[in-house]
Amino acid sequence: MQIRNINAMTVDPKIEEWTVWLEDHIIPEVSKLLWSSNIYAETRQIVINNPAINTGNHFYEWIDRNYVHTTLMGIRRQLDKRGKHSKVASLKSLLSDMKENYHLLTRKRYLELYSEEMQNVANKDYDNLAGESVNIFPVDKLEKYLNKLEDINNLHKTYIDKRLAHREEITTLNPMGTYQDLDDAIIIFKEITIRYYLLLSAKTIELFSPNRDWKNIFSQAWIAGTDDLDLK
């Protein structure tokens, strides 16, 4: 893809700010969530496929608890609002600010990111993002993802606030959802991140995933000299 030198263009401060939010904060955080989810799923599969280790063990409980708590806190960060006294850079603050300033997300601005010979490609890309023959990005597309973020928030907020961020003394608490709910939230975060980074910068990204070499450690004995140990 041939893109113009953005540094040579006059970039609106809001567009520049949103891009910084994504590149410096949101993309690294969402990548970590994807990385963690992938490692957790593959580790579980290793255990499931090996009857010798597929038994009840406090170590697995520890892995489960840490994965769930870390993921929920990562989810919470992307649902935080940016207030008068807060400089939170999250997916929710990004989409909310875009909704308030949607007039900046024009086809004209997007086409300027591409070279002259790539204008047909640029128009098709903007069509895919905003809709055919649309010249200003529709608010309802931003609201669609804001609603998805609110659904995620409604599912997990009470547990996060009352059990993770603050340990309140309560007798009843709604379930925090399932492992699949965590995966679904991360996938939505990934979709929003890729989509709106493309809209702002005309660049496609592949969010970080762990190198498969990380599993090499499982091919080695973790405790040296196990023949001399009583591991029962």
Protein backbone atom coordinates (compact mmCIF):
# COMPACT_ATOMS: atom_id res chain seq x y z
CA MET A 1 0.00 0.00 0.00
CA GLN A 2 1.41 3.39 -1.00
CA ILE A 3 0.52 6.01 1.58
CA ARG A 4 1.45 9.66 1.64
CA ASN A 5 3.91 10.97 4.21
CA ILE A 6 1.51 11.86 7.02
CA ASN A 7 4.16 14.06 8.65
CA ALA A 8 4.03 16.30 5.61
CA MET A 9 0.25 16.74 5.96
CA THR A 10 -1.61 19.04 8.30
CA VAL A 11 -3.07 16.64 10.85
CA ASP A 12 -5.91 17.74 13.09
CA PRO A 13 -4.83 17.64 16.76
CA LYS A 14 -7.71 15.31 17.60
CA ILE A 15 -6.72 12.81 14.93
CA GLU A 16 -3.15 12.96 16.16
CA GLU A 17 -4.29 12.48 19.76
CA TRP A 18 -6.45 9.44 18.90
CA THR A 19 -3.59 7.88 16.97
CA VAL A 20 -1.28 8.31 19.95
CA TRP A 21 -3.89 6.72 22.24
CA LEU A 22 -3.97 3.70 19.97
CA GLU A 23 -0.27 3.34 19.29
CA ASP A 24 1.03 4.07 22.78
CA HIS A 25 -1.70 2.60 24.97
CA ILE A 26 -4.56 0.66 23.40
CA ILE A 27 -2.66 -1.49 20.89
CA PRO A 28 -0.07 -2.69 23.46
CA GLU A 29 -2.79 -3.42 26.05
CA VAL A 30 -5.08 -5.30 23.66
CA SER A 31 -2.08 -7.21 22.34
CA LYS A 32 -1.26 -8.33 25.89
CA LEU A 33 -4.83 -9.56 26.35
CA LEU A 34 -4.62 -11.56 23.11
CA TRP A 35 -1.21 -12.91 24.06
CA SER A 36 -2.43 -13.97 27.50
CA SER A 37 -5.60 -15.56 26.13
CA ASN A 38 -3.62 -17.57 23.58
CA ILE A 39 -1.09 -18.84 26.10
CA TYR A 40 -3.80 -19.76 28.60
CA ALA A 41 -5.82 -21.69 26.00
CA GLU A 42 -2.79 -23.59 24.70
CA THR A 43 -1.60 -24.41 28.22
CA ARG A 44 -5.03 -25.84 29.07
CA GLN A 45 -4.89 -27.93 25.88
CA ILE A 46 -1.47 -29.31 26.85
CA VAL A 47 -2.92 -30.48 30.17
CA ILE A 48 -6.07 -31.91 28.57
CA ASN A 49 -4.02 -33.92 26.06
CA ASN A 50 -1.81 -35.51 28.72
CA PRO A 51 -3.61 -37.85 31.19
CA ALA A 52 -0.48 -38.00 33.35
CA ILE A 53 -0.86 -34.34 34.33
CA ASN A 54 -4.60 -33.87 33.74
CA THR A 55 -5.44 -34.18 37.43
CA GLY A 56 -6.64 -31.82 40.13
CA ASN A 57 -3.79 -29.55 41.22
CA HIS A 58 -3.52 -26.25 43.10
CA PHE A 59 -1.10 -25.01 40.43
CA TYR A 60 -3.89 -25.13 37.83
CA GLU A 61 -6.21 -23.29 40.21
CA TRP A 62 -3.52 -20.63 40.61
CA ILE A 63 -3.15 -20.31 36.83
CA ASP A 64 -6.92 -20.04 36.39
CA ARG A 65 -7.32 -17.40 39.07
CA ASN A 66 -4.44 -15.27 37.85
CA TYR A 67 -5.56 -15.47 34.22
CA VAL A 68 -9.14 -14.51 35.05
CA HIS A 69 -8.20 -11.65 37.37
CA THR A 70 -5.54 -10.26 35.04
CA THR A 71 -7.90 -10.45 32.06
CA LEU A 72 -10.76 -8.79 33.90
CA MET A 73 -8.52 -5.92 34.97
CA GLY A 74 -7.29 -5.58 31.38
CA ILE A 75 -10.91 -5.49 30.22
CA ARG A 76 -11.73 -2.86 32.82
CA ARG A 77 -8.94 -0.58 31.55
CA GLN A 78 -10.48 -0.55 28.07
CA LEU A 79 -13.88 0.36 29.52
CA ASP A 80 -12.66 3.31 31.61
CA LYS A 81 -14.00 6.74 30.74
CA ARG A 82 -11.87 9.79 30.08
CA GLY A 83 -13.08 12.54 32.41
CA LYS A 84 -12.19 16.11 33.26
CA HIS A 85 -9.54 14.97 35.72
CA SER A 86 -8.65 11.70 34.01
CA LYS A 87 -6.33 11.09 31.07
CA VAL A 88 -7.43 7.52 30.42
CA ALA A 89 -6.67 6.26 26.92
CA SER A 90 -9.11 3.38 26.45
CA LEU A 91 -11.29 1.98 23.70
CA LYS A 92 -14.35 3.48 25.36
CA SER A 93 -12.77 6.92 25.67
CA LEU A 94 -11.55 6.68 22.07
CA LEU A 95 -14.94 5.81 20.57
CA SER A 96 -16.74 8.30 22.80
CA ASP A 97 -14.42 11.11 21.73
CA MET A 98 -14.74 10.07 18.10
CA LYS A 99 -18.53 10.21 18.45
CA GLU A 100 -18.30 13.79 19.72
CA ASN A 101 -15.95 14.75 16.88
CA TYR A 102 -17.14 12.44 14.10
CA HIS A 103 -17.10 15.33 11.62
CA LEU A 104 -13.31 14.94 11.48
CA LEU A 105 -13.52 11.38 10.12
CA THR A 106 -14.22 12.35 6.52
CA ARG A 107 -13.60 10.52 3.29
CA LYS A 108 -11.58 13.51 2.10
CA ARG A 109 -9.16 13.24 5.05
CA TYR A 110 -8.84 9.48 4.54
CA LEU A 111 -8.11 9.77 0.81
CA GLU A 112 -5.33 12.26 1.58
CA LEU A 113 -3.47 9.46 3.36
CA TYR A 114 -3.02 7.62 0.03
CA SER A 115 -0.95 8.41 -3.02
CA GLU A 116 -2.75 9.57 -6.18
CA GLU A 117 -2.42 6.21 -7.89
CA MET A 118 -4.01 4.48 -4.88
CA GLN A 119 -7.16 6.58 -4.70
CA ASN A 120 -9.41 3.76 -5.94
CA VAL A 121 -8.11 1.53 -3.18
CA ALA A 122 -8.58 4.31 -0.65
CA ASN A 123 -12.19 4.83 -1.68
CA LYS A 124 -12.93 1.12 -1.38
CA ASP A 125 -11.30 1.00 2.03
CA TYR A 126 -13.39 3.92 3.23
CA ASP A 127 -16.50 2.31 1.75
CA ASN A 128 -15.78 -0.80 3.82
CA LEU A 129 -15.25 1.24 6.97
CA ALA A 130 -17.98 3.87 6.66
CA GLY A 131 -20.33 2.72 3.90
CA GLU A 132 -20.62 3.34 0.19
CA SER A 133 -21.06 6.95 -0.91
CA VAL A 134 -20.70 8.13 2.70
CA ASN A 135 -18.46 11.17 3.09
CA ILE A 136 -18.53 11.56 6.88
CA PHE A 137 -18.14 8.57 9.17
CA PRO A 138 -21.58 7.58 10.53
CA VAL A 139 -22.20 8.02 14.25
CA ASP A 140 -24.27 4.84 14.37
CA LYS A 141 -21.18 2.75 13.56
CA LEU A 142 -19.42 4.23 16.56
CA GLU A 143 -22.52 3.68 18.69
CA LYS A 144 -22.64 0.03 17.61
CA TYR A 145 -19.26 -0.65 19.18
CA LEU A 146 -19.95 1.57 22.18
CA ASN A 147 -23.01 -0.59 22.84
CA LYS A 148 -20.88 -3.72 22.62
CA LEU A 149 -18.46 -2.24 25.13
CA GLU A 150 -21.37 -1.39 27.41
CA ASP A 151 -22.61 -4.99 27.20
CA ILE A 152 -19.17 -6.18 28.27
CA ASN A 153 -19.18 -3.64 31.08
CA ASN A 154 -22.61 -4.75 32.31
CA LEU A 155 -21.47 -8.38 32.41
CA HIS A 156 -18.23 -7.87 34.32
CA LYS A 157 -18.33 -4.51 36.13
CA THR A 158 -19.91 -5.60 39.42
CA TYR A 159 -17.49 -8.46 39.95
CA ILE A 160 -14.48 -6.37 38.99
CA ASP A 161 -15.44 -3.49 41.26
CA LYS A 162 -16.52 -5.52 44.28
CA ARG A 163 -14.08 -8.42 44.13
CA LEU A 164 -10.97 -7.20 42.33
CA ALA A 165 -10.65 -3.44 42.62
CA HIS A 166 -12.31 -3.36 46.06
CA ARG A 167 -12.95 -6.30 48.34
CA GLU A 168 -16.42 -5.50 49.64
CA GLU A 169 -18.23 -7.50 52.29
CA ILE A 170 -21.29 -8.69 50.37
CA THR A 171 -23.29 -11.86 50.68
CA THR A 172 -24.47 -12.20 47.10
CA LEU A 173 -22.80 -11.38 43.81
CA ASN A 174 -23.89 -12.06 40.26
CA PRO A 175 -21.68 -14.44 38.26
CA MET A 176 -18.87 -12.72 36.40
CA GLY A 177 -19.48 -14.65 33.18
CA THR A 178 -17.64 -17.51 31.54
CA TYR A 179 -14.23 -18.06 29.99
CA GLN A 180 -15.97 -17.70 26.63
CA ASP A 181 -17.24 -14.27 27.70
CA LEU A 182 -13.65 -13.21 28.37
CA ASP A 183 -12.58 -14.47 24.95
CA ASP A 184 -15.51 -12.70 23.27
CA ALA A 185 -14.60 -9.40 24.94
CA ILE A 186 -11.00 -9.66 23.77
CA ILE A 187 -12.10 -10.43 20.20
CA ILE A 188 -14.34 -7.34 20.21
CA PHE A 189 -11.43 -5.25 21.50
CA LYS A 190 -9.26 -6.62 18.71
CA GLU A 191 -11.88 -5.83 16.07
CA ILE A 192 -12.33 -2.25 17.27
CA THR A 193 -8.58 -1.65 17.53
CA ILE A 194 -7.79 -2.88 14.01
CA ARG A 195 -10.79 -1.16 12.45
CA TYR A 196 -10.25 2.29 13.92
CA TYR A 197 -6.50 2.28 13.56
CA LEU A 198 -7.10 1.68 9.86
CA LEU A 199 -9.61 4.53 9.78
CA LEU A 200 -7.19 6.96 11.41
CA SER A 201 -3.92 5.98 9.77
CA ALA A 202 -4.80 3.94 6.65
CA LYS A 203 -2.54 1.23 8.08
CA THR A 204 -3.42 -2.37 8.76
CA ILE A 205 -1.96 -4.04 11.82
CA GLU A 206 -1.64 -7.55 13.15
CA LEU A 207 -1.87 -7.49 16.90
CA PHE A 208 0.82 -9.35 18.80
CA SER A 209 0.50 -13.09 19.32
CA PRO A 210 3.01 -15.27 21.21
CA ASN A 211 5.77 -17.05 19.37
CA ARG A 212 5.13 -20.79 19.39
CA ASP A 213 8.59 -21.35 20.86
CA TRP A 214 7.21 -20.38 24.27
CA LYS A 215 6.02 -23.99 24.70
CA ASN A 216 9.53 -25.41 24.46
CA ILE A 217 9.90 -25.30 28.24
CA PHE A 218 7.20 -27.96 28.57
CA SER A 219 9.40 -30.50 26.79
CA GLN A 220 11.83 -30.37 29.72
CA ALA A 221 11.52 -31.69 33.26
CA TRP A 222 10.80 -28.75 35.54
CA ILE A 223 12.29 -30.32 38.66
CA ALA A 224 15.86 -31.55 38.31
CA GLY A 225 16.65 -34.98 39.71
CA THR A 226 13.01 -36.06 40.00
CA ASP A 227 14.07 -39.70 40.40
CA ASP A 228 15.38 -38.84 43.86
CA LEU A 229 12.30 -36.88 44.97
CA ASP A 230 9.12 -38.04 46.62
CA LEU A 231 6.54 -36.20 44.52
CA LYS A 232 3.45 -37.92 45.90
